[in-house]
């Protein structure tokens, strides 16, 4: 099933957004790592556009603590970047440009920035929605 990622806030603490199904139903909140950008303040690695997401076994080498291979989707076609995955994680530091999914936003570590909660639950739901799907189209909107 094709999805839309709509981000609404970009700050030093991360890029916050929501992930929607084609019919407009929200399926998760999201966070991506925020990188300093002279023009935009803070920005993610994935700009607005449409991307092909491909299922495969991946591992994270640093962020997120997922060092064992796991089944997920890679966002492909992002200029200058590879290995941008959907995965679980709660904090800006858990992403190196990947899309973290969660159930809600909260300042878990009390640093003044919003984090994503119940990421493991949200990731399981996300993968269940894509059961039997090998690839899908992701439309990214940056608001």
C-alpha atoms as a PDB file:
ATOM      1  CA  UNK A   1       0.000   0.000   0.000  1.00  0.00           C
ATOM      2  CA  UNK A   2       1.341   3.439  -0.952  1.00  0.00           C
ATOM      3  CA  UNK A   3       1.934   5.945   1.847  1.00  0.00           C
ATOM      4  CA  UNK A   4       2.392   9.666   2.444  1.00  0.00           C
ATOM      5  CA  UNK A   5       4.826  11.200   4.940  1.00  0.00           C
ATOM      6  CA  UNK A   6       3.859  14.731   5.973  1.00  0.00           C
ATOM      7  CA  UNK A   7       6.340  16.533   8.199  1.00  0.00           C
ATOM      8  CA  UNK A   8       5.224  19.569  10.143  1.00  0.00           C
ATOM      9  CA  UNK A   9       8.131  20.570  12.403  1.00  0.00           C
ATOM     10  CA  UNK A  10      11.874  20.702  11.882  1.00  0.00           C
ATOM     11  CA  UNK A  11      14.217  21.655  14.718  1.00  0.00           C
ATOM     12  CA  UNK A  12      17.492  20.652  16.339  1.00  0.00           C
ATOM     13  CA  UNK A  13      15.506  17.930  18.125  1.00  0.00           C
ATOM     14  CA  UNK A  14      14.378  16.203  14.902  1.00  0.00           C
ATOM     15  CA  UNK A  15      11.982  16.382  11.991  1.00  0.00           C
ATOM     16  CA  UNK A  16       8.487  15.433  13.173  1.00  0.00           C
ATOM     17  CA  UNK A  17       5.733  14.173  10.927  1.00  0.00           C
ATOM     18  CA  UNK A  18       2.885  11.755  10.392  1.00  0.00           C
ATOM     19  CA  UNK A  19       2.587   8.734   8.108  1.00  0.00           C
ATOM     20  CA  UNK A  20      -0.706   8.277   6.265  1.00  0.00           C
ATOM     21  CA  UNK A  21      -2.313   5.566   4.159  1.00  0.00           C
ATOM     22  CA  UNK A  22      -3.710   6.415   0.723  1.00  0.00           C
ATOM     23  CA  UNK A  23      -7.187   6.970   2.177  1.00  0.00           C
ATOM     24  CA  UNK A  24      -5.831   9.600   4.602  1.00  0.00           C
ATOM     25  CA  UNK A  25      -5.858   7.427   7.727  1.00  0.00           C
ATOM     26  CA  UNK A  26      -2.856   8.171   9.959  1.00  0.00           C
ATOM     27  CA  UNK A  27      -0.871   5.051  10.806  1.00  0.00           C
ATOM     28  CA  UNK A  28       2.062   6.462  12.790  1.00  0.00           C
ATOM     29  CA  UNK A  29       3.897   9.544  13.923  1.00  0.00           C
ATOM     30  CA  UNK A  30       7.425   9.866  12.563  1.00  0.00           C
ATOM     31  CA  UNK A  31      10.795  11.349  13.367  1.00  0.00           C
ATOM     32  CA  UNK A  32      13.820  11.816  11.151  1.00  0.00           C
ATOM     33  CA  UNK A  33      17.233  13.114  12.155  1.00  0.00           C
ATOM     34  CA  UNK A  34      17.541  16.880  11.714  1.00  0.00           C
ATOM     35  CA  UNK A  35      20.665  18.127   9.972  1.00  0.00           C
ATOM     36  CA  UNK A  36      21.760  21.774  10.099  1.00  0.00           C
ATOM     37  CA  UNK A  37      20.904  23.545   6.893  1.00  0.00           C
ATOM     38  CA  UNK A  38      21.994  27.140   6.428  1.00  0.00           C
ATOM     39  CA  UNK A  39      18.945  28.023   4.369  1.00  0.00           C
ATOM     40  CA  UNK A  40      16.242  26.022   6.157  1.00  0.00           C
ATOM     41  CA  UNK A  41      17.577  25.849   9.735  1.00  0.00           C
ATOM     42  CA  UNK A  42      17.243  22.077  10.159  1.00  0.00           C
ATOM     43  CA  UNK A  43      16.301  19.604   7.450  1.00  0.00           C
ATOM     44  CA  UNK A  44      16.052  15.823   6.901  1.00  0.00           C
ATOM     45  CA  UNK A  45      18.026  13.856   4.310  1.00  0.00           C
ATOM     46  CA  UNK A  46      14.858  12.986   2.376  1.00  0.00           C
ATOM     47  CA  UNK A  47      13.480  16.034   0.539  1.00  0.00           C
ATOM     48  CA  UNK A  48       9.902  16.435  -0.647  1.00  0.00           C
ATOM     49  CA  UNK A  49       9.145  14.114  -3.544  1.00  0.00           C
ATOM     50  CA  UNK A  50       8.033  10.606  -4.415  1.00  0.00           C
ATOM     51  CA  UNK A  51      10.218   7.592  -3.672  1.00  0.00           C
ATOM     52  CA  UNK A  52      10.140   3.833  -4.179  1.00  0.00           C
ATOM     53  CA  UNK A  53      10.440   1.876  -0.925  1.00  0.00           C
ATOM     54  CA  UNK A  54      11.817  -1.659  -1.257  1.00  0.00           C
ATOM     55  CA  UNK A  55      11.544  -4.483   1.276  1.00  0.00           C
ATOM     56  CA  UNK A  56      14.713  -6.240   2.359  1.00  0.00           C
ATOM     57  CA  UNK A  57      16.818  -7.449   5.261  1.00  0.00           C
ATOM     58  CA  UNK A  58      18.891  -4.636   6.771  1.00  0.00           C
ATOM     59  CA  UNK A  59      20.927  -3.874   9.845  1.00  0.00           C
ATOM     60  CA  UNK A  60      21.853  -0.679  11.616  1.00  0.00           C
ATOM     61  CA  UNK A  61      25.481  -0.191  12.463  1.00  0.00           C
ATOM     62  CA  UNK A  62      25.086   2.539  15.036  1.00  0.00           C
ATOM     63  CA  UNK A  63      21.719   4.214  15.551  1.00  0.00           C
ATOM     64  CA  UNK A  64      18.733   2.435  17.002  1.00  0.00           C
ATOM     65  CA  UNK A  65      20.597  -0.541  18.487  1.00  0.00           C
ATOM     66  CA  UNK A  66      19.345  -2.913  15.753  1.00  0.00           C
ATOM     67  CA  UNK A  67      22.613  -4.635  14.924  1.00  0.00           C
ATOM     68  CA  UNK A  68      20.976  -7.913  13.867  1.00  0.00           C
ATOM     69  CA  UNK A  69      19.420  -8.055  10.375  1.00  0.00           C
ATOM     70  CA  UNK A  70      15.699  -7.212  10.316  1.00  0.00           C
ATOM     71  CA  UNK A  71      12.976  -6.987   7.677  1.00  0.00           C
ATOM     72  CA  UNK A  72      12.071  -3.443   6.679  1.00  0.00           C
ATOM     73  CA  UNK A  73      11.751  -1.024   3.764  1.00  0.00           C
ATOM     74  CA  UNK A  74      14.500   1.146   2.298  1.00  0.00           C
ATOM     75  CA  UNK A  75      13.596   4.515   0.798  1.00  0.00           C
ATOM     76  CA  UNK A  76      15.376   4.513  -2.569  1.00  0.00           C
ATOM     77  CA  UNK A  77      16.144   7.277  -5.050  1.00  0.00           C
ATOM     78  CA  UNK A  78      17.197   9.924  -2.509  1.00  0.00           C
ATOM     79  CA  UNK A  79      19.988  11.885  -4.182  1.00  0.00           C
ATOM     80  CA  UNK A  80      23.326  11.326  -2.453  1.00  0.00           C
ATOM     81  CA  UNK A  81      21.997   8.847   0.113  1.00  0.00           C
ATOM     82  CA  UNK A  82      21.442   5.116   0.529  1.00  0.00           C
ATOM     83  CA  UNK A  83      20.374   2.966   3.458  1.00  0.00           C
ATOM     84  CA  UNK A  84      17.488   5.214   4.513  1.00  0.00           C
ATOM     85  CA  UNK A  85      15.188   2.803   6.316  1.00  0.00           C
ATOM     86  CA  UNK A  86      11.939   2.674   8.236  1.00  0.00           C
ATOM     87  CA  UNK A  87      12.789   1.400  11.725  1.00  0.00           C
ATOM     88  CA  UNK A  88      12.069   1.711  15.408  1.00  0.00           C
ATOM     89  CA  UNK A  89      13.731   4.278  17.633  1.00  0.00           C
ATOM     90  CA  UNK A  90      12.599   7.015  19.972  1.00  0.00           C
ATOM     91  CA  UNK A  91      15.064   9.870  19.645  1.00  0.00           C
ATOM     92  CA  UNK A  92      16.629  12.138  17.017  1.00  0.00           C
ATOM     93  CA  UNK A  93      19.941  10.376  17.775  1.00  0.00           C
ATOM     94  CA  UNK A  94      18.389   6.985  16.812  1.00  0.00           C
ATOM     95  CA  UNK A  95      18.169   8.093  13.179  1.00  0.00           C
ATOM     96  CA  UNK A  96      20.916   8.904  10.723  1.00  0.00           C
ATOM     97  CA  UNK A  97      18.357  10.073   8.179  1.00  0.00           C
ATOM     98  CA  UNK A  98      16.035   7.071   8.520  1.00  0.00           C
ATOM     99  CA  UNK A  99      12.328   7.318   9.338  1.00  0.00           C
ATOM    100  CA  UNK A 100      11.456   6.318  12.900  1.00  0.00           C
ATOM    101  CA  UNK A 101       7.820   5.395  13.535  1.00  0.00           C
ATOM    102  CA  UNK A 102       5.932   5.782  16.801  1.00  0.00           C
ATOM    103  CA  UNK A 103       2.506   5.933  18.409  1.00  0.00           C
ATOM    104  CA  UNK A 104       2.700   9.489  19.800  1.00  0.00           C
ATOM    105  CA  UNK A 105       5.051  12.382  20.600  1.00  0.00           C
ATOM    106  CA  UNK A 106       6.391  13.096  24.088  1.00  0.00           C
ATOM    107  CA  UNK A 107       9.551  14.556  25.569  1.00  0.00           C
ATOM    108  CA  UNK A 108      10.769  11.209  26.919  1.00  0.00           C
ATOM    109  CA  UNK A 109      14.286  12.279  27.902  1.00  0.00           C
ATOM    110  CA  UNK A 110      13.163  15.736  29.098  1.00  0.00           C
ATOM    111  CA  UNK A 111      15.549  17.654  26.857  1.00  0.00           C
ATOM    112  CA  UNK A 112      12.873  20.068  25.613  1.00  0.00           C
ATOM    113  CA  UNK A 113      12.351  18.225  22.281  1.00  0.00           C
ATOM    114  CA  UNK A 114       9.602  15.842  21.242  1.00  0.00           C
ATOM    115  CA  UNK A 115      10.481  12.152  20.822  1.00  0.00           C
ATOM    116  CA  UNK A 116       8.385   9.269  19.481  1.00  0.00           C
ATOM    117  CA  UNK A 117       6.813   6.773  21.897  1.00  0.00           C
ATOM    118  CA  UNK A 118       6.072   3.051  21.567  1.00  0.00           C
ATOM    119  CA  UNK A 119       8.203   2.775  18.472  1.00  0.00           C
ATOM    120  CA  UNK A 120       8.404  -1.018  18.608  1.00  0.00           C
ATOM    121  CA  UNK A 121       4.598  -1.293  18.616  1.00  0.00           C
ATOM    122  CA  UNK A 122       4.280   1.216  15.769  1.00  0.00           C
ATOM    123  CA  UNK A 123       6.959  -0.534  13.690  1.00  0.00           C
ATOM    124  CA  UNK A 124       5.209  -3.900  14.111  1.00  0.00           C
ATOM    125  CA  UNK A 125       1.913  -2.313  12.956  1.00  0.00           C
ATOM    126  CA  UNK A 126       3.660  -0.628  10.008  1.00  0.00           C
ATOM    127  CA  UNK A 127       5.176  -3.912   8.830  1.00  0.00           C
ATOM    128  CA  UNK A 128       1.839  -5.734   9.312  1.00  0.00           C
ATOM    129  CA  UNK A 129       0.148  -3.178   7.036  1.00  0.00           C
ATOM    130  CA  UNK A 130       2.730  -3.976   4.370  1.00  0.00           C
ATOM    131  CA  UNK A 131       2.417  -7.750   4.774  1.00  0.00           C
ATOM    132  CA  UNK A 132       2.944  -9.382   1.385  1.00  0.00           C
ATOM    133  CA  UNK A 133       4.169  -6.113  -0.152  1.00  0.00           C
ATOM    134  CA  UNK A 134       7.670  -6.026  -1.674  1.00  0.00           C
ATOM    135  CA  UNK A 135       7.662  -2.346  -2.586  1.00  0.00           C
ATOM    136  CA  UNK A 136       5.491   0.734  -2.322  1.00  0.00           C
ATOM    137  CA  UNK A 137       5.497   4.394  -3.262  1.00  0.00           C
ATOM    138  CA  UNK A 138       6.137   6.998  -0.560  1.00  0.00           C
ATOM    139  CA  UNK A 139       5.096  10.594  -1.206  1.00  0.00           C
ATOM    140  CA  UNK A 140       6.981  12.989   1.072  1.00  0.00           C
ATOM    141  CA  UNK A 141       5.474  16.404   1.825  1.00  0.00           C
ATOM    142  CA  UNK A 142       7.501  18.946   3.770  1.00  0.00           C
ATOM    143  CA  UNK A 143       5.283  21.557   5.393  1.00  0.00           C
END
